[in-house]
PDB file of all heavy atoms in Angstrom:
ATOM      1  N   ILE A   1      -7.726 -12.421  -2.242  1.00  0.00           N
ATOM      2  CA  ILE A   1      -7.255 -11.239  -1.511  1.00  0.00           C
ATOM      3  C   ILE A   1      -7.161 -11.596  -0.035  1.00  0.00           C
ATOM      4  O   ILE A   1      -8.149 -11.870   0.623  1.00  0.00           O
ATOM      5  CB  ILE A   1      -8.054 -10.053  -1.725  1.00  0.00           C
ATOM      6  CG1 ILE A   1      -8.147  -9.547  -3.151  1.00  0.00           C
ATOM      7  CG2 ILE A   1      -7.608  -8.908  -0.839  1.00  0.00           C
ATOM      8  CD1 ILE A   1      -9.156  -8.422  -3.459  1.00  0.00           C
ATOM      9  N   ASN A   2      -5.935 -11.457   0.418  1.00  0.00           N
ATOM     10  CA  ASN A   2      -5.684 -11.562   1.917  1.00  0.00           C
ATOM     11  C   ASN A   2      -5.638 -10.184   2.553  1.00  0.00           C
ATOM     12  O   ASN A   2      -6.313  -9.792   3.453  1.00  0.00           O
ATOM     13  CB  ASN A   2      -4.433 -12.420   2.304  1.00  0.00           C
ATOM     14  CG  ASN A   2      -4.371 -12.694   3.723  1.00  0.00           C
ATOM     15  OD1 ASN A   2      -5.240 -12.394   4.513  1.00  0.00           O
ATOM     16  ND2 ASN A   2      -3.234 -13.341   4.056  1.00  0.00           N
ATOM     17  N   PHE A   3      -4.722  -9.325   1.939  1.00  0.00           N
ATOM     18  CA  PHE A   3      -4.602  -7.924   2.251  1.00  0.00           C
ATOM     19  C   PHE A   3      -4.748  -7.046   1.037  1.00  0.00           C
ATOM     20  O   PHE A   3      -4.256  -7.419  -0.054  1.00  0.00           O
ATOM     21  CB  PHE A   3      -3.233  -7.611   2.940  1.00  0.00           C
ATOM     22  CG  PHE A   3      -3.215  -7.880   4.376  1.00  0.00           C
ATOM     23  CD1 PHE A   3      -3.004  -9.239   4.805  1.00  0.00           C
ATOM     24  CD2 PHE A   3      -3.372  -6.913   5.275  1.00  0.00           C
ATOM     25  CE1 PHE A   3      -2.941  -9.511   6.187  1.00  0.00           C
ATOM     26  CE2 PHE A   3      -3.303  -7.178   6.658  1.00  0.00           C
ATOM     27  CZ  PHE A   3      -3.135  -8.481   7.117  1.00  0.00           C
ATOM     28  N   MET A   4      -5.378  -5.933   1.191  1.00  0.00           N
ATOM     29  CA  MET A   4      -5.371  -4.860   0.232  1.00  0.00           C
ATOM     30  C   MET A   4      -4.502  -3.744   0.785  1.00  0.00           C
ATOM     31  O   MET A   4      -4.649  -3.354   1.954  1.00  0.00           O
ATOM     32  CB  MET A   4      -6.726  -4.378  -0.116  1.00  0.00           C
ATOM     33  CG  MET A   4      -6.828  -3.209  -1.130  1.00  0.00           C
ATOM     34  SD  MET A   4      -8.412  -2.716  -1.599  1.00  0.00           S
ATOM     35  CE  MET A   4      -8.901  -4.022  -2.704  1.00  0.00           C
ATOM     36  N   GLY A   5      -3.585  -3.203  -0.074  1.00  0.00           N
ATOM     37  CA  GLY A   5      -2.701  -2.173   0.374  1.00  0.00           C
ATOM     38  C   GLY A   5      -2.724  -0.980  -0.536  1.00  0.00           C
ATOM     39  O   GLY A   5      -3.170  -0.999  -1.608  1.00  0.00           O
ATOM     40  N   TRP A   6      -2.240   0.206   0.026  1.00  0.00           N
ATOM     41  CA  TRP A   6      -1.943   1.388  -0.756  1.00  0.00           C
ATOM     42  C   TRP A   6      -0.507   1.750  -0.663  1.00  0.00           C
ATOM     43  O   TRP A   6       0.087   1.735   0.375  1.00  0.00           O
ATOM     44  CB  TRP A   6      -2.791   2.512  -0.195  1.00  0.00           C
ATOM     45  CG  TRP A   6      -4.271   2.378  -0.499  1.00  0.00           C
ATOM     46  CD1 TRP A   6      -5.205   1.795   0.355  1.00  0.00           C
ATOM     47  CD2 TRP A   6      -5.037   2.812  -1.618  1.00  0.00           C
ATOM     48  NE1 TRP A   6      -6.438   1.851  -0.289  1.00  0.00           N
ATOM     49  CE2 TRP A   6      -6.417   2.503  -1.391  1.00  0.00           C
ATOM     50  CE3 TRP A   6      -4.625   3.560  -2.795  1.00  0.00           C
ATOM     51  CZ2 TRP A   6      -7.350   2.837  -2.404  1.00  0.00           C
ATOM     52  CZ3 TRP A   6      -5.586   3.857  -3.702  1.00  0.00           C
ATOM     53  CH2 TRP A   6      -6.976   3.558  -3.514  1.00  0.00           C
ATOM     54  N   PHE A   7       0.020   2.054  -1.861  1.00  0.00           N
ATOM     55  CA  PHE A   7       1.401   2.628  -1.909  1.00  0.00           C
ATOM     56  C   PHE A   7       1.375   3.970  -2.658  1.00  0.00           C
ATOM     57  O   PHE A   7       0.343   4.318  -3.350  1.00  0.00           O
ATOM     58  CB  PHE A   7       2.337   1.664  -2.765  1.00  0.00           C
ATOM     59  CG  PHE A   7       2.641   0.337  -2.033  1.00  0.00           C
ATOM     60  CD1 PHE A   7       1.674  -0.641  -1.885  1.00  0.00           C
ATOM     61  CD2 PHE A   7       3.825   0.142  -1.462  1.00  0.00           C
ATOM     62  CE1 PHE A   7       1.977  -1.764  -1.287  1.00  0.00           C
ATOM     63  CE2 PHE A   7       4.178  -1.008  -0.906  1.00  0.00           C
ATOM     64  CZ  PHE A   7       3.234  -2.049  -0.757  1.00  0.00           C
ATOM     65  N   ARG A   8       2.394   4.750  -2.485  1.00  0.00           N
ATOM     66  CA  ARG A   8       2.492   5.934  -3.239  1.00  0.00           C
ATOM     67  C   ARG A   8       3.909   6.179  -3.785  1.00  0.00           C
ATOM     68  O   ARG A   8       4.890   5.719  -3.145  1.00  0.00           O
ATOM     69  CB  ARG A   8       2.053   7.145  -2.369  1.00  0.00           C
ATOM     70  CG  ARG A   8       2.949   7.418  -1.201  1.00  0.00           C
ATOM     71  CD  ARG A   8       2.345   8.501  -0.256  1.00  0.00           C
ATOM     72  NE  ARG A   8       3.132   8.841   0.876  1.00  0.00           N
ATOM     73  CZ  ARG A   8       2.771   9.685   1.868  1.00  0.00           C
ATOM     74  NH1 ARG A   8       1.598  10.174   1.831  1.00  0.00           N
ATOM     75  NH2 ARG A   8       3.608   9.844   2.899  1.00  0.00           N
ATOM     76  N   GLN A   9       3.969   6.977  -4.766  1.00  0.00           N
ATOM     77  CA  GLN A   9       5.300   7.262  -5.404  1.00  0.00           C
ATOM     78  C   GLN A   9       5.311   8.701  -5.739  1.00  0.00           C
ATOM     79  O   GLN A   9       4.613   9.125  -6.588  1.00  0.00           O
ATOM     80  CB  GLN A   9       5.574   6.381  -6.652  1.00  0.00           C
ATOM     81  CG  GLN A   9       6.970   6.525  -7.118  1.00  0.00           C
ATOM     82  CD  GLN A   9       7.362   5.402  -8.113  1.00  0.00           C
ATOM     83  OE1 GLN A   9       6.490   4.706  -8.617  1.00  0.00           O
ATOM     84  NE2 GLN A   9       8.658   5.081  -8.246  1.00  0.00           N
ATOM     85  N   ALA A  10       6.190   9.495  -5.073  1.00  0.00           N
ATOM     86  CA  ALA A  10       6.375  10.831  -5.441  1.00  0.00           C
ATOM     87  C   ALA A  10       7.447  10.995  -6.503  1.00  0.00           C
ATOM     88  O   ALA A  10       8.212  10.087  -6.717  1.00  0.00           O
ATOM     89  CB  ALA A  10       6.860  11.649  -4.144  1.00  0.00           C
ATOM     90  N   PRO A  11       7.450  12.141  -7.204  1.00  0.00           N
ATOM     91  CA  PRO A  11       8.381  12.360  -8.238  1.00  0.00           C
ATOM     92  C   PRO A  11       9.898  12.243  -7.828  1.00  0.00           C
ATOM     93  O   PRO A  11      10.267  12.767  -6.737  1.00  0.00           O
ATOM     94  CB  PRO A  11       8.184  13.827  -8.667  1.00  0.00           C
ATOM     95  CG  PRO A  11       6.711  14.035  -8.331  1.00  0.00           C
ATOM     96  CD  PRO A  11       6.526  13.287  -7.081  1.00  0.00           C
ATOM     97  N   GLY A  12      10.613  11.406  -8.532  1.00  0.00           N
ATOM     98  CA  GLY A  12      12.032  11.118  -8.158  1.00  0.00           C
ATOM     99  C   GLY A  12      12.208  10.225  -7.010  1.00  0.00           C
ATOM    100  O   GLY A  12      13.392  10.027  -6.570  1.00  0.00           O
ATOM    101  N   LYS A  13      11.146   9.588  -6.422  1.00  0.00           N
ATOM    102  CA  LYS A  13      11.325   8.795  -5.242  1.00  0.00           C
ATOM    103  C   LYS A  13      10.813   7.361  -5.567  1.00  0.00           C
ATOM    104  O   LYS A  13      10.068   7.131  -6.526  1.00  0.00           O
ATOM    105  CB  LYS A  13      10.614   9.331  -4.037  1.00  0.00           C
ATOM    106  CG  LYS A  13      11.146  10.664  -3.617  1.00  0.00           C
ATOM    107  CD  LYS A  13      10.445  11.155  -2.378  1.00  0.00           C
ATOM    108  CE  LYS A  13      11.013  12.473  -1.813  1.00  0.00           C
ATOM    109  NZ  LYS A  13      10.344  12.999  -0.659  1.00  0.00           N
ATOM    110  N   GLY A  14      11.138   6.422  -4.698  1.00  0.00           N
ATOM    111  CA  GLY A  14      10.647   5.096  -4.846  1.00  0.00           C
ATOM    112  C   GLY A  14       9.255   4.877  -4.297  1.00  0.00           C
ATOM    113  O   GLY A  14       8.710   5.752  -3.744  1.00  0.00           O
ATOM    114  N   ARG A  15       8.720   3.700  -4.585  1.00  0.00           N
ATOM    115  CA  ARG A  15       7.349   3.407  -4.128  1.00  0.00           C
ATOM    116  C   ARG A  15       7.351   3.212  -2.640  1.00  0.00           C
ATOM    117  O   ARG A  15       8.094   2.342  -2.159  1.00  0.00           O
ATOM    118  CB  ARG A  15       6.795   2.296  -4.945  1.00  0.00           C
ATOM    119  CG  ARG A  15       5.382   2.004  -4.784  1.00  0.00           C
ATOM    120  CD  ARG A  15       4.797   1.100  -5.782  1.00  0.00           C
ATOM    121  NE  ARG A  15       4.848   1.624  -7.095  1.00  0.00           N
ATOM    122  CZ  ARG A  15       4.420   1.095  -8.242  1.00  0.00           C
ATOM    123  NH1 ARG A  15       3.795  -0.041  -8.155  1.00  0.00           N
ATOM    124  NH2 ARG A  15       4.556   1.658  -9.444  1.00  0.00           N
ATOM    125  N   GLU A  16       6.494   3.903  -1.914  1.00  0.00           N
ATOM    126  CA  GLU A  16       6.425   3.869  -0.448  1.00  0.00           C
ATOM    127  C   GLU A  16       5.128   3.242   0.062  1.00  0.00           C
ATOM    128  O   GLU A  16       4.043   3.571  -0.488  1.00  0.00           O
ATOM    129  CB  GLU A  16       6.562   5.300   0.082  1.00  0.00           C
ATOM    130  CG  GLU A  16       6.356   5.386   1.587  1.00  0.00           C
ATOM    131  CD  GLU A  16       6.232   6.756   2.066  1.00  0.00           C
ATOM    132  OE1 GLU A  16       5.684   7.626   1.285  1.00  0.00           O
ATOM    133  OE2 GLU A  16       6.606   7.105   3.213  1.00  0.00           O
ATOM    134  N   PHE A  17       5.199   2.347   0.981  1.00  0.00           N
ATOM    135  CA  PHE A  17       4.005   1.774   1.581  1.00  0.00           C
ATOM    136  C   PHE A  17       3.243   2.796   2.371  1.00  0.00           C
ATOM    137  O   PHE A  17       3.931   3.703   3.085  1.00  0.00           O
ATOM    138  CB  PHE A  17       4.405   0.664   2.526  1.00  0.00           C
ATOM    139  CG  PHE A  17       3.314   0.111   3.413  1.00  0.00           C
ATOM    140  CD1 PHE A  17       2.386  -0.720   2.882  1.00  0.00           C
ATOM    141  CD2 PHE A  17       3.219   0.522   4.767  1.00  0.00           C
ATOM    142  CE1 PHE A  17       1.358  -1.186   3.684  1.00  0.00           C
ATOM    143  CE2 PHE A  17       2.218   0.014   5.576  1.00  0.00           C
ATOM    144  CZ  PHE A  17       1.228  -0.877   5.026  1.00  0.00           C
ATOM    145  N   VAL A  18       1.970   2.866   2.309  1.00  0.00           N
ATOM    146  CA  VAL A  18       1.094   3.795   2.989  1.00  0.00           C
ATOM    147  C   VAL A  18       0.295   3.092   3.946  1.00  0.00           C
ATOM    148  O   VAL A  18       0.241   3.363   5.231  1.00  0.00           O
ATOM    149  CB  VAL A  18       0.201   4.598   1.981  1.00  0.00           C
ATOM    150  CG1 VAL A  18      -0.710   5.503   2.743  1.00  0.00           C
ATOM    151  CG2 VAL A  18       1.096   5.315   1.029  1.00  0.00           C
ATOM    152  N   ALA A  19      -0.470   2.083   3.587  1.00  0.00           N
ATOM    153  CA  ALA A  19      -1.422   1.402   4.470  1.00  0.00           C
ATOM    154  C   ALA A  19      -1.820   0.107   3.939  1.00  0.00           C
ATOM    155  O   ALA A  19      -1.746  -0.185   2.675  1.00  0.00           O
ATOM    156  CB  ALA A  19      -2.698   2.268   4.862  1.00  0.00           C
ATOM    157  N   ALA A  20      -2.300  -0.850   4.706  1.00  0.00           N
ATOM    158  CA  ALA A  20      -2.827  -2.172   4.305  1.00  0.00           C
ATOM    159  C   ALA A  20      -3.965  -2.632   5.277  1.00  0.00           C
ATOM    160  O   ALA A  20      -4.041  -2.213   6.483  1.00  0.00           O
ATOM    161  CB  ALA A  20      -1.732  -3.194   4.313  1.00  0.00           C
ATOM    162  N   ILE A  21      -4.894  -3.318   4.811  1.00  0.00           N
ATOM    163  CA  ILE A  21      -6.009  -3.900   5.539  1.00  0.00           C
ATOM    164  C   ILE A  21      -6.219  -5.302   5.186  1.00  0.00           C
ATOM    165  O   ILE A  21      -6.249  -5.663   4.005  1.00  0.00           O
ATOM    166  CB  ILE A  21      -7.276  -3.025   5.355  1.00  0.00           C
ATOM    167  CG1 ILE A  21      -8.389  -3.472   6.321  1.00  0.00           C
ATOM    168  CG2 ILE A  21      -7.752  -2.954   3.916  1.00  0.00           C
ATOM    169  CD1 ILE A  21      -9.553  -2.468   6.413  1.00  0.00           C
ATOM    170  N   SER A  22      -6.504  -6.174   6.160  1.00  0.00           N
ATOM    171  CA  SER A  22      -6.889  -7.536   5.803  1.00  0.00           C
ATOM    172  C   SER A  22      -8.345  -7.575   5.428  1.00  0.00           C
ATOM    173  O   SER A  22      -9.170  -6.865   5.888  1.00  0.00           O
ATOM    174  CB  SER A  22      -6.697  -8.437   7.038  1.00  0.00           C
ATOM    175  OG  SER A  22      -7.660  -8.127   8.115  1.00  0.00           O
ATOM    176  N   TRP A  23      -8.520  -8.402   4.331  1.00  0.00           N
ATOM    177  CA  TRP A  23      -9.849  -8.444   3.705  1.00  0.00           C
ATOM    178  C   TRP A  23     -10.975  -9.000   4.616  1.00  0.00           C
ATOM    179  O   TRP A  23     -12.092  -8.620   4.504  1.00  0.00           O
ATOM    180  CB  TRP A  23      -9.778  -9.205   2.353  1.00  0.00           C
ATOM    181  CG  TRP A  23     -10.808  -8.741   1.396  1.00  0.00           C
ATOM    182  CD1 TRP A  23     -11.845  -9.615   0.979  1.00  0.00           C
ATOM    183  CD2 TRP A  23     -10.996  -7.584   0.811  1.00  0.00           C
ATOM    184  NE1 TRP A  23     -12.696  -8.928   0.055  1.00  0.00           N
ATOM    185  CE2 TRP A  23     -12.137  -7.633  -0.127  1.00  0.00           C
ATOM    186  CE3 TRP A  23     -10.271  -6.366   0.855  1.00  0.00           C
ATOM    187  CZ2 TRP A  23     -12.666  -6.598  -0.841  1.00  0.00           C
ATOM    188  CZ3 TRP A  23     -10.704  -5.266   0.019  1.00  0.00           C
ATOM    189  CH2 TRP A  23     -11.866  -5.422  -0.758  1.00  0.00           C
ATOM    190  N   SER A  24     -10.527  -9.978   5.457  1.00  0.00           N
ATOM    191  CA  SER A  24     -11.433 -10.625   6.334  1.00  0.00           C
ATOM    192  C   SER A  24     -11.758  -9.875   7.668  1.00  0.00           C
ATOM    193  O   SER A  24     -12.773  -9.294   7.843  1.00  0.00           O
ATOM    194  CB  SER A  24     -11.010 -12.011   6.620  1.00  0.00           C
ATOM    195  OG  SER A  24      -9.659 -12.067   7.215  1.00  0.00           O
ATOM    196  N   ALA A  25     -10.682  -9.819   8.522  1.00  0.00           N
ATOM    197  CA  ALA A  25     -10.842  -9.225   9.819  1.00  0.00           C
ATOM    198  C   ALA A  25     -10.794  -7.679   9.869  1.00  0.00           C
ATOM    199  O   ALA A  25     -11.227  -7.033  10.780  1.00  0.00           O
ATOM    200  CB  ALA A  25      -9.852  -9.816  10.711  1.00  0.00           C
TER     201      ALA A  25
END
């Protein structure tokens, strides 16, 4: 793992980036 991220998908919409964090720093 370099980055862990969160995405979200609302009804009828594509997958959207929400946030990401580097595992180390």
